[in-house]
């Protein structure tokens, strides 16, 4: 005999999980990001940060994984072209624009949970550990912006 309460509860849980998964914003295509103007990219980032802060830490982690998967799906040559374009765009930013980006990033990270900040720090340290000395210098130049 079928237990209808169990079936109904299962459907409700599945629906809830589907709605939660649908709430995670789609990671942008890196090729599209590099084509945006500073103002478009900054506004998109502000909107994205607001949306991400509405999510749970697990959902934000799933979003970050989406971003990493989209970058990993690109060929090494495509990633290098995007990196070069982004570096060039960052060099062309005014002092005021750099300040705006820095403050937006800081506000977002400050709003994350301490566990998320620790996880981000550990990931950054792992990445830095695997870089050559020349790559570390390049990384540090980009981070200082």
C-alpha atoms as a PDB file:
ATOM      1  CA  UNK A   1       0.000   0.000   0.000  1.00  0.00           C
ATOM      2  CA  UNK A   2       1.310   3.446  -0.918  1.00  0.00           C
ATOM      3  CA  UNK A   3       1.793   5.904   1.907  1.00  0.00           C
ATOM      4  CA  UNK A   4       0.408   9.088   0.362  1.00  0.00           C
ATOM      5  CA  UNK A   5       1.784  11.303   3.124  1.00  0.00           C
ATOM      6  CA  UNK A   6       5.313  10.103   2.328  1.00  0.00           C
ATOM      7  CA  UNK A   7       4.780  10.626  -1.407  1.00  0.00           C
ATOM      8  CA  UNK A   8       3.378  14.113  -0.809  1.00  0.00           C
ATOM      9  CA  UNK A   9       6.223  14.991   1.555  1.00  0.00           C
ATOM     10  CA  UNK A  10       8.736  13.731  -1.024  1.00  0.00           C
ATOM     11  CA  UNK A  11       7.165  15.865  -3.757  1.00  0.00           C
ATOM     12  CA  UNK A  12       7.173  18.928  -1.524  1.00  0.00           C
ATOM     13  CA  UNK A  13      10.851  18.396  -0.641  1.00  0.00           C
ATOM     14  CA  UNK A  14      11.766  17.843  -4.293  1.00  0.00           C
ATOM     15  CA  UNK A  15       9.881  21.000  -5.309  1.00  0.00           C
ATOM     16  CA  UNK A  16      11.610  22.994  -2.586  1.00  0.00           C
ATOM     17  CA  UNK A  17      15.033  21.718  -3.669  1.00  0.00           C
ATOM     18  CA  UNK A  18      14.250  22.587  -7.297  1.00  0.00           C
ATOM     19  CA  UNK A  19      13.157  26.121  -6.354  1.00  0.00           C
ATOM     20  CA  UNK A  20      16.311  26.613  -4.267  1.00  0.00           C
ATOM     21  CA  UNK A  21      18.512  25.404  -7.099  1.00  0.00           C
ATOM     22  CA  UNK A  22      16.709  27.726  -9.477  1.00  0.00           C
ATOM     23  CA  UNK A  23      17.437  30.655  -7.132  1.00  0.00           C
ATOM     24  CA  UNK A  24      21.190  30.434  -7.748  1.00  0.00           C
ATOM     25  CA  UNK A  25      22.084  33.000 -10.411  1.00  0.00           C
ATOM     26  CA  UNK A  26      23.641  31.744 -13.614  1.00  0.00           C
ATOM     27  CA  UNK A  27      27.383  32.376 -13.718  1.00  0.00           C
ATOM     28  CA  UNK A  28      28.213  34.849 -16.482  1.00  0.00           C
ATOM     29  CA  UNK A  29      30.177  33.783 -19.511  1.00  0.00           C
ATOM     30  CA  UNK A  30      33.741  35.127 -19.118  1.00  0.00           C
ATOM     31  CA  UNK A  31      33.783  36.021 -22.819  1.00  0.00           C
ATOM     32  CA  UNK A  32      30.737  38.257 -22.298  1.00  0.00           C
ATOM     33  CA  UNK A  33      32.203  39.911 -19.202  1.00  0.00           C
ATOM     34  CA  UNK A  34      35.325  41.021 -21.010  1.00  0.00           C
ATOM     35  CA  UNK A  35      33.179  42.747 -23.663  1.00  0.00           C
ATOM     36  CA  UNK A  36      31.339  44.916 -21.097  1.00  0.00           C
ATOM     37  CA  UNK A  37      32.250  48.500 -20.321  1.00  0.00           C
ATOM     38  CA  UNK A  38      33.445  49.314 -16.816  1.00  0.00           C
ATOM     39  CA  UNK A  39      30.048  50.740 -15.836  1.00  0.00           C
ATOM     40  CA  UNK A  40      28.134  47.718 -17.177  1.00  0.00           C
ATOM     41  CA  UNK A  41      30.434  45.272 -15.416  1.00  0.00           C
ATOM     42  CA  UNK A  42      30.370  47.254 -12.159  1.00  0.00           C
ATOM     43  CA  UNK A  43      26.561  47.434 -12.132  1.00  0.00           C
ATOM     44  CA  UNK A  44      26.304  43.735 -12.984  1.00  0.00           C
ATOM     45  CA  UNK A  45      28.701  42.962 -10.120  1.00  0.00           C
ATOM     46  CA  UNK A  46      26.679  45.061  -7.668  1.00  0.00           C
ATOM     47  CA  UNK A  47      23.488  43.291  -8.723  1.00  0.00           C
ATOM     48  CA  UNK A  48      25.165  39.894  -8.511  1.00  0.00           C
ATOM     49  CA  UNK A  49      26.558  40.597  -5.037  1.00  0.00           C
ATOM     50  CA  UNK A  50      23.096  41.631  -3.830  1.00  0.00           C
ATOM     51  CA  UNK A  51      21.625  38.407  -5.240  1.00  0.00           C
ATOM     52  CA  UNK A  52      24.393  36.243  -3.779  1.00  0.00           C
ATOM     53  CA  UNK A  53      23.946  37.726  -0.314  1.00  0.00           C
ATOM     54  CA  UNK A  54      20.322  36.536  -0.364  1.00  0.00           C
ATOM     55  CA  UNK A  55      21.545  32.947  -0.786  1.00  0.00           C
ATOM     56  CA  UNK A  56      22.813  30.482   1.779  1.00  0.00           C
ATOM     57  CA  UNK A  57      26.566  29.828   2.088  1.00  0.00           C
ATOM     58  CA  UNK A  58      26.063  26.463   0.350  1.00  0.00           C
ATOM     59  CA  UNK A  59      24.282  28.141  -2.561  1.00  0.00           C
ATOM     60  CA  UNK A  60      27.044  30.749  -2.855  1.00  0.00           C
ATOM     61  CA  UNK A  61      29.570  27.924  -2.918  1.00  0.00           C
ATOM     62  CA  UNK A  62      27.579  26.250  -5.709  1.00  0.00           C
ATOM     63  CA  UNK A  63      27.639  29.547  -7.613  1.00  0.00           C
ATOM     64  CA  UNK A  64      31.428  29.836  -7.212  1.00  0.00           C
ATOM     65  CA  UNK A  65      31.758  26.286  -8.526  1.00  0.00           C
ATOM     66  CA  UNK A  66      29.701  27.304 -11.583  1.00  0.00           C
ATOM     67  CA  UNK A  67      32.115  30.177 -12.189  1.00  0.00           C
ATOM     68  CA  UNK A  68      35.147  27.900 -11.885  1.00  0.00           C
ATOM     69  CA  UNK A  69      33.534  25.343 -14.226  1.00  0.00           C
ATOM     70  CA  UNK A  70      32.861  28.007 -16.869  1.00  0.00           C
ATOM     71  CA  UNK A  71      36.480  29.135 -16.737  1.00  0.00           C
ATOM     72  CA  UNK A  72      37.738  25.539 -16.801  1.00  0.00           C
ATOM     73  CA  UNK A  73      35.578  24.859 -19.858  1.00  0.00           C
ATOM     74  CA  UNK A  74      37.554  27.431 -21.833  1.00  0.00           C
ATOM     75  CA  UNK A  75      40.690  26.433 -23.635  1.00  0.00           C
ATOM     76  CA  UNK A  76      44.012  27.626 -22.159  1.00  0.00           C
ATOM     77  CA  UNK A  77      44.331  30.032 -25.082  1.00  0.00           C
ATOM     78  CA  UNK A  78      40.861  31.502 -24.439  1.00  0.00           C
ATOM     79  CA  UNK A  79      41.634  31.916 -20.724  1.00  0.00           C
ATOM     80  CA  UNK A  80      44.892  33.686 -21.566  1.00  0.00           C
ATOM     81  CA  UNK A  81      43.142  36.059 -24.001  1.00  0.00           C
ATOM     82  CA  UNK A  82      40.530  36.888 -21.363  1.00  0.00           C
ATOM     83  CA  UNK A  83      43.220  37.420 -18.718  1.00  0.00           C
ATOM     84  CA  UNK A  84      45.156  39.766 -20.992  1.00  0.00           C
ATOM     85  CA  UNK A  85      42.018  41.760 -21.880  1.00  0.00           C
ATOM     86  CA  UNK A  86      40.984  42.041 -18.234  1.00  0.00           C
ATOM     87  CA  UNK A  87      44.499  43.134 -17.228  1.00  0.00           C
ATOM     88  CA  UNK A  88      44.443  45.803 -19.921  1.00  0.00           C
ATOM     89  CA  UNK A  89      41.004  47.005 -18.822  1.00  0.00           C
ATOM     90  CA  UNK A  90      42.149  47.110 -15.185  1.00  0.00           C
ATOM     91  CA  UNK A  91      45.202  49.174 -16.127  1.00  0.00           C
ATOM     92  CA  UNK A  92      42.939  51.693 -17.864  1.00  0.00           C
ATOM     93  CA  UNK A  93      40.732  52.206 -14.788  1.00  0.00           C
ATOM     94  CA  UNK A  94      40.900  55.587 -13.103  1.00  0.00           C
ATOM     95  CA  UNK A  95      41.873  55.839  -9.437  1.00  0.00           C
ATOM     96  CA  UNK A  96      38.204  56.491  -8.597  1.00  0.00           C
ATOM     97  CA  UNK A  97      37.046  53.393 -10.510  1.00  0.00           C
ATOM     98  CA  UNK A  98      39.666  51.239  -8.795  1.00  0.00           C
ATOM     99  CA  UNK A  99      38.459  52.566  -5.454  1.00  0.00           C
ATOM    100  CA  UNK A 100      34.828  51.768  -6.358  1.00  0.00           C
ATOM    101  CA  UNK A 101      35.743  48.189  -7.306  1.00  0.00           C
ATOM    102  CA  UNK A 102      37.834  47.710  -4.178  1.00  0.00           C
ATOM    103  CA  UNK A 103      35.082  49.023  -1.879  1.00  0.00           C
ATOM    104  CA  UNK A 104      32.401  46.905  -3.561  1.00  0.00           C
ATOM    105  CA  UNK A 105      34.567  43.805  -3.203  1.00  0.00           C
ATOM    106  CA  UNK A 106      35.367  44.568   0.440  1.00  0.00           C
ATOM    107  CA  UNK A 107      31.710  45.163   1.325  1.00  0.00           C
ATOM    108  CA  UNK A 108      30.713  41.882  -0.287  1.00  0.00           C
ATOM    109  CA  UNK A 109      33.432  39.846   1.423  1.00  0.00           C
ATOM    110  CA  UNK A 110      32.673  41.514   4.761  1.00  0.00           C
ATOM    111  CA  UNK A 111      29.029  40.420   4.424  1.00  0.00           C
ATOM    112  CA  UNK A 112      30.026  36.764   3.989  1.00  0.00           C
ATOM    113  CA  UNK A 113      30.172  34.363   6.915  1.00  0.00           C
ATOM    114  CA  UNK A 114      33.522  33.923   8.695  1.00  0.00           C
ATOM    115  CA  UNK A 115      33.608  30.345   7.416  1.00  0.00           C
ATOM    116  CA  UNK A 116      33.231  31.508   3.810  1.00  0.00           C
ATOM    117  CA  UNK A 117      35.972  34.093   4.245  1.00  0.00           C
ATOM    118  CA  UNK A 118      38.262  31.428   5.736  1.00  0.00           C
ATOM    119  CA  UNK A 119      37.463  29.092   2.843  1.00  0.00           C
ATOM    120  CA  UNK A 120      38.251  31.822   0.301  1.00  0.00           C
ATOM    121  CA  UNK A 121      41.529  32.569   2.083  1.00  0.00           C
ATOM    122  CA  UNK A 122      42.489  28.882   2.102  1.00  0.00           C
ATOM    123  CA  UNK A 123      41.704  28.588  -1.614  1.00  0.00           C
ATOM    124  CA  UNK A 124      43.807  31.676  -2.395  1.00  0.00           C
ATOM    125  CA  UNK A 125      46.712  30.285  -0.343  1.00  0.00           C
ATOM    126  CA  UNK A 126      46.450  26.941  -2.153  1.00  0.00           C
ATOM    127  CA  UNK A 127      46.556  28.719  -5.515  1.00  0.00           C
ATOM    128  CA  UNK A 128      49.533  30.856  -4.464  1.00  0.00           C
ATOM    129  CA  UNK A 129      51.391  27.798  -3.182  1.00  0.00           C
ATOM    130  CA  UNK A 130      51.228  26.213  -6.638  1.00  0.00           C
ATOM    131  CA  UNK A 131      52.461  29.286  -8.530  1.00  0.00           C
ATOM    132  CA  UNK A 132      56.002  29.863  -9.690  1.00  0.00           C
ATOM    133  CA  UNK A 133      57.809  32.939  -8.279  1.00  0.00           C
ATOM    134  CA  UNK A 134      57.159  34.822 -11.543  1.00  0.00           C
ATOM    135  CA  UNK A 135      53.461  33.925 -11.462  1.00  0.00           C
ATOM    136  CA  UNK A 136      53.269  35.044  -7.818  1.00  0.00           C
ATOM    137  CA  UNK A 137      54.672  38.447  -8.765  1.00  0.00           C
ATOM    138  CA  UNK A 138      52.089  38.773 -11.546  1.00  0.00           C
ATOM    139  CA  UNK A 139      49.314  37.690  -9.144  1.00  0.00           C
ATOM    140  CA  UNK A 140      50.386  40.271  -6.562  1.00  0.00           C
ATOM    141  CA  UNK A 141      50.488  43.028  -9.193  1.00  0.00           C
ATOM    142  CA  UNK A 142      46.943  42.145 -10.308  1.00  0.00           C
ATOM    143  CA  UNK A 143      45.610  41.937  -6.755  1.00  0.00           C
ATOM    144  CA  UNK A 144      47.032  45.326  -5.775  1.00  0.00           C
ATOM    145  CA  UNK A 145      45.297  46.920  -8.774  1.00  0.00           C
END
